[in-house]
């Protein structure tokens, strides 16, 4: 048993699935410096916890750093994250911005609030990766995000595209990785409860009112009619995306 204690089924599933994808796609290398983008939601918080365990398991030295860009709806919402990082000895950069209010204000007249805010936050994350000489930026996207993104691209953009598990940016200076891309959210939610992670409420006024959430809700309605189609959809898209990433190596 490791220093993290005995793991439940959901926790083991989380850690092993993330490890499988990291190994198959060779996401990290000796001396890699990973910035983990944390929103405060369940996906990214579980990713930090699982990556701490993976860091102790893998046969190479990697560094982890938490990056959090508070969009500004609640200036103190990130306090639980600050305390948690201190308890686990994790380096972190946590800053307060006004991106959220700006996205919902008169400055943003042409784009959706989510697009505007996420663009600013992503740009800031890239800047922080450069500031701290990070080699990787880890995002907490899950298999549910993969399935939803695939259908969004197909319905709205007329193209077949999912989410890459690992892709280079800035001519290879930064590698964006999604270690939890093969993991279903049901395991993440269960693991988060069992780890008692201090996840906070999303105070964004656009939460659950986006095109992404609309498409996911419609998919859920179809899957409820025939649960087999849900498993088939997830399995097919995970295999498809993994094959794509394996071919690019």
Protein backbone atom coordinates (compact mmCIF):
# COMPACT_ATOMS: atom_id res chain seq x y z
CA UNK A 1 0.00 0.00 0.00
CA UNK A 2 1.37 3.42 -0.92
CA UNK A 3 1.50 6.46 1.32
CA UNK A 4 -1.85 7.54 -0.18
CA UNK A 5 -3.61 4.70 1.66
CA UNK A 6 -6.07 2.10 0.43
CA UNK A 7 -7.94 3.16 -2.68
CA UNK A 8 -11.60 2.51 -3.45
CA UNK A 9 -12.70 1.04 -6.77
CA UNK A 10 -13.46 4.48 -8.21
CA UNK A 11 -10.12 5.85 -7.03
CA UNK A 12 -8.22 2.87 -8.49
CA UNK A 13 -10.16 3.24 -11.75
CA UNK A 14 -9.24 6.92 -11.88
CA UNK A 15 -5.54 6.43 -11.19
CA UNK A 16 -5.15 3.38 -13.47
CA UNK A 17 -7.06 4.86 -16.43
CA UNK A 18 -5.01 8.04 -16.27
CA UNK A 19 -1.85 5.94 -16.03
CA UNK A 20 -2.86 3.81 -19.02
CA UNK A 21 -3.34 6.85 -21.25
CA UNK A 22 -0.11 8.47 -20.06
CA UNK A 23 1.80 5.29 -20.88
CA UNK A 24 0.21 4.58 -24.25
CA UNK A 25 0.66 8.13 -25.53
CA UNK A 26 4.01 8.75 -23.79
CA UNK A 27 2.62 12.02 -22.44
CA UNK A 28 5.50 12.92 -20.17
CA UNK A 29 9.25 12.47 -20.10
CA UNK A 30 12.06 12.58 -17.59
CA UNK A 31 12.27 16.03 -16.05
CA UNK A 32 8.87 17.16 -17.33
CA UNK A 33 7.37 20.16 -15.53
CA UNK A 34 3.58 19.92 -15.53
CA UNK A 35 1.21 22.80 -14.89
CA UNK A 36 -2.21 21.43 -13.95
CA UNK A 37 -5.00 23.85 -14.85
CA UNK A 38 -7.54 23.80 -12.05
CA UNK A 39 -10.95 25.44 -12.29
CA UNK A 40 -12.17 24.30 -8.90
CA UNK A 41 -14.56 21.80 -10.43
CA UNK A 42 -14.56 18.08 -9.81
CA UNK A 43 -12.66 17.05 -12.97
CA UNK A 44 -9.56 19.19 -12.50
CA UNK A 45 -9.41 18.66 -8.73
CA UNK A 46 -9.48 14.87 -9.12
CA UNK A 47 -6.81 15.20 -11.80
CA UNK A 48 -4.46 16.85 -9.29
CA UNK A 49 -5.08 14.15 -6.71
CA UNK A 50 -4.56 11.34 -9.21
CA UNK A 51 -1.44 12.95 -10.68
CA UNK A 52 0.14 13.11 -7.23
CA UNK A 53 -0.24 9.32 -7.04
CA UNK A 54 0.99 8.82 -10.60
CA UNK A 55 4.01 11.00 -9.79
CA UNK A 56 4.96 8.55 -7.03
CA UNK A 57 4.42 5.51 -9.29
CA UNK A 58 6.03 6.34 -12.62
CA UNK A 59 9.73 5.49 -13.08
CA UNK A 60 10.81 9.04 -13.90
CA UNK A 61 11.06 12.40 -12.21
CA UNK A 62 8.34 14.92 -13.01
CA UNK A 63 7.29 18.13 -11.27
CA UNK A 64 3.70 19.26 -10.67
CA UNK A 65 2.38 22.78 -10.26
CA UNK A 66 -1.22 23.90 -9.82
CA UNK A 67 -2.42 26.82 -11.95
CA UNK A 68 -5.72 28.52 -11.13
CA UNK A 69 -7.11 31.62 -12.82
CA UNK A 70 -10.13 32.80 -10.84
CA UNK A 71 -12.60 34.37 -13.32
CA UNK A 72 -13.73 36.88 -10.70
CA UNK A 73 -17.30 35.98 -9.75
CA UNK A 74 -16.22 35.14 -6.20
CA UNK A 75 -12.85 36.62 -5.15
CA UNK A 76 -12.45 34.10 -2.33
CA UNK A 77 -13.71 30.90 -3.96
CA UNK A 78 -10.18 29.54 -4.42
CA UNK A 79 -9.27 29.62 -0.72
CA UNK A 80 -9.95 25.85 -0.28
CA UNK A 81 -7.55 25.16 -3.16
CA UNK A 82 -4.84 27.33 -1.62
CA UNK A 83 -5.11 25.50 1.68
CA UNK A 84 -5.23 22.07 -0.01
CA UNK A 85 -2.06 22.77 -2.02
CA UNK A 86 -0.27 23.84 1.15
CA UNK A 87 -1.31 20.62 2.92
CA UNK A 88 0.02 18.46 0.06
CA UNK A 89 3.17 20.51 -0.51
CA UNK A 90 2.17 21.46 -4.05
CA UNK A 91 3.55 24.51 -5.77
CA UNK A 92 0.78 26.73 -7.08
CA UNK A 93 0.02 29.97 -8.85
CA UNK A 94 -3.45 31.24 -7.99
CA UNK A 95 -4.63 34.63 -9.18
CA UNK A 96 -7.82 36.67 -9.31
CA UNK A 97 -8.98 38.19 -12.62
CA UNK A 98 -12.01 40.03 -13.98
CA UNK A 99 -12.44 37.76 -17.01
CA UNK A 100 -15.88 36.46 -16.03
CA UNK A 101 -17.59 39.81 -15.44
CA UNK A 102 -15.96 41.19 -18.62
CA UNK A 103 -17.28 38.24 -20.61
CA UNK A 104 -20.82 39.02 -19.43
CA UNK A 105 -20.46 42.78 -19.85
CA UNK A 106 -20.61 45.33 -22.69
CA UNK A 107 -17.00 44.67 -23.71
CA UNK A 108 -18.10 41.33 -25.15
CA UNK A 109 -20.83 41.87 -27.73
CA UNK A 110 -19.94 39.38 -30.45
CA UNK A 111 -18.93 36.15 -28.72
CA UNK A 112 -20.56 33.90 -26.16
CA UNK A 113 -19.57 34.66 -22.59
CA UNK A 114 -17.97 31.21 -22.22
CA UNK A 115 -15.89 31.62 -25.38
CA UNK A 116 -14.67 35.08 -24.31
CA UNK A 117 -13.82 34.04 -20.75
CA UNK A 118 -12.17 30.73 -21.67
CA UNK A 119 -10.07 32.47 -24.33
CA UNK A 120 -8.69 34.94 -21.79
CA UNK A 121 -8.08 32.24 -19.18
CA UNK A 122 -6.35 29.95 -21.68
CA UNK A 123 -4.11 32.81 -22.84
CA UNK A 124 -3.16 33.51 -19.23
CA UNK A 125 -2.40 29.83 -18.61
CA UNK A 126 -0.05 29.83 -21.59
CA UNK A 127 1.70 32.91 -20.16
CA UNK A 128 2.10 31.22 -16.79
CA UNK A 129 3.57 28.12 -18.42
CA UNK A 130 6.19 30.34 -20.01
CA UNK A 131 6.78 32.27 -16.78
CA UNK A 132 7.48 29.07 -14.80
CA UNK A 133 9.28 27.19 -17.59
CA UNK A 134 6.64 24.46 -17.67
CA UNK A 135 6.87 21.84 -20.39
CA UNK A 136 3.27 20.57 -20.15
CA UNK A 137 -0.16 22.01 -19.47
CA UNK A 138 -2.59 19.40 -18.14
CA UNK A 139 -6.32 19.96 -18.65
CA UNK A 140 -9.02 17.99 -16.80
CA UNK A 141 -11.12 16.97 -19.81
CA UNK A 142 -12.85 13.58 -19.47
CA UNK A 143 -14.41 10.96 -21.71
CA UNK A 144 -17.71 12.82 -21.30
CA UNK A 145 -16.04 15.94 -22.72
CA UNK A 146 -14.64 13.90 -25.60
CA UNK A 147 -18.10 12.57 -26.51
CA UNK A 148 -19.76 15.98 -26.20
CA UNK A 149 -17.05 17.77 -28.19
CA UNK A 150 -17.24 15.18 -30.96
CA UNK A 151 -20.99 15.72 -31.34
CA UNK A 152 -20.66 19.51 -31.10
CA UNK A 153 -18.10 19.55 -33.90
CA UNK A 154 -20.25 17.28 -36.03
CA UNK A 155 -23.54 19.14 -35.49
CA UNK A 156 -22.27 22.72 -35.45
CA UNK A 157 -19.10 22.72 -37.52
CA UNK A 158 -19.63 19.85 -39.93
CA UNK A 159 -16.38 18.12 -39.07
CA UNK A 160 -15.28 14.94 -37.33
CA UNK A 161 -13.02 16.00 -34.49
CA UNK A 162 -12.67 15.08 -30.83
CA UNK A 163 -10.09 16.09 -28.22
CA UNK A 164 -6.47 15.11 -28.50
CA UNK A 165 -4.90 13.40 -25.50
CA UNK A 166 -1.61 15.14 -26.22
CA UNK A 167 -0.80 17.93 -28.67
CA UNK A 168 2.05 20.42 -29.12
CA UNK A 169 1.72 24.19 -28.96
CA UNK A 170 4.13 27.01 -29.79
CA UNK A 171 6.25 24.86 -32.11
CA UNK A 172 6.55 22.12 -29.51
CA UNK A 173 7.68 24.33 -26.62
CA UNK A 174 4.54 23.40 -24.67
CA UNK A 175 2.63 20.11 -24.72
CA UNK A 176 -1.05 20.22 -23.82
CA UNK A 177 -2.16 16.95 -22.28
CA UNK A 178 -5.50 15.53 -21.13
CA UNK A 179 -4.61 12.60 -18.84
CA UNK A 180 -8.24 11.88 -17.86
CA UNK A 181 -9.59 11.82 -21.42
CA UNK A 182 -10.45 8.10 -21.32
CA UNK A 183 -12.09 8.29 -17.88
CA UNK A 184 -15.86 8.62 -17.40
CA UNK A 185 -17.12 11.34 -15.12
CA UNK A 186 -19.09 8.92 -12.94
CA UNK A 187 -15.81 7.53 -11.59
CA UNK A 188 -14.41 11.03 -11.11
CA UNK A 189 -17.42 12.13 -9.06
CA UNK A 190 -17.23 9.04 -6.87
CA UNK A 191 -13.46 9.42 -6.35
CA UNK A 192 -13.88 13.10 -5.45
CA UNK A 193 -16.44 12.26 -2.76
CA UNK A 194 -14.24 9.53 -1.32
CA UNK A 195 -11.14 11.75 -1.31
CA UNK A 196 -13.26 14.51 0.27
CA UNK A 197 -11.87 17.13 -2.08
CA UNK A 198 -12.87 20.73 -1.24
CA UNK A 199 -14.67 21.45 -4.51
CA UNK A 200 -16.53 24.75 -4.64
CA UNK A 201 -19.68 25.88 -6.42
CA UNK A 202 -19.45 27.37 -9.90
CA UNK A 203 -20.90 30.88 -9.58
CA UNK A 204 -20.78 31.71 -13.29
CA UNK A 205 -24.23 32.90 -14.49
CA UNK A 206 -23.75 30.92 -17.71
CA UNK A 207 -23.10 27.64 -15.90
CA UNK A 208 -25.25 24.84 -17.37
CA UNK A 209 -26.66 27.26 -19.96
CA UNK A 210 -24.21 26.65 -22.81
CA UNK A 211 -24.42 24.88 -26.16
CA UNK A 212 -22.14 22.21 -24.73
CA UNK A 213 -24.46 21.48 -21.81
CA UNK A 214 -27.46 21.53 -24.15
CA UNK A 215 -25.93 18.88 -26.44
CA UNK A 216 -24.83 16.74 -23.50
CA UNK A 217 -28.35 16.87 -22.02
CA UNK A 218 -29.85 15.77 -25.36
CA UNK A 219 -27.38 12.88 -25.54
CA UNK A 220 -28.30 11.88 -22.00
CA UNK A 221 -31.98 11.75 -22.99
CA UNK A 222 -31.21 9.39 -25.87
CA UNK A 223 -28.98 7.19 -23.72
CA UNK A 224 -31.69 6.84 -21.09
CA UNK A 225 -33.96 5.32 -23.71
CA UNK A 226 -31.37 2.67 -24.50
CA UNK A 227 -28.38 2.48 -22.09
CA UNK A 228 -26.47 0.19 -24.45
CA UNK A 229 -26.05 3.09 -26.90
CA UNK A 230 -24.25 5.10 -24.24
CA UNK A 231 -21.64 2.41 -23.63
CA UNK A 232 -21.21 1.88 -27.36
CA UNK A 233 -20.77 5.61 -27.98
CA UNK A 234 -18.16 6.03 -25.25
CA UNK A 235 -16.24 2.88 -26.20
CA UNK A 236 -16.22 3.74 -29.91
CA UNK A 237 -15.02 7.32 -29.45
CA UNK A 238 -12.39 6.39 -26.88
CA UNK A 239 -10.92 3.76 -29.21
CA UNK A 240 -11.09 6.17 -32.15
CA UNK A 241 -9.37 9.01 -30.28
CA UNK A 242 -6.72 6.73 -28.80
CA UNK A 243 -5.94 5.30 -32.26
CA UNK A 244 -5.52 8.84 -33.60
CA UNK A 245 -3.11 9.77 -30.83
CA UNK A 246 -1.13 6.56 -31.17
CA UNK A 247 -0.67 7.16 -34.93
CA UNK A 248 0.73 10.66 -34.31
CA UNK A 249 3.55 9.39 -32.11
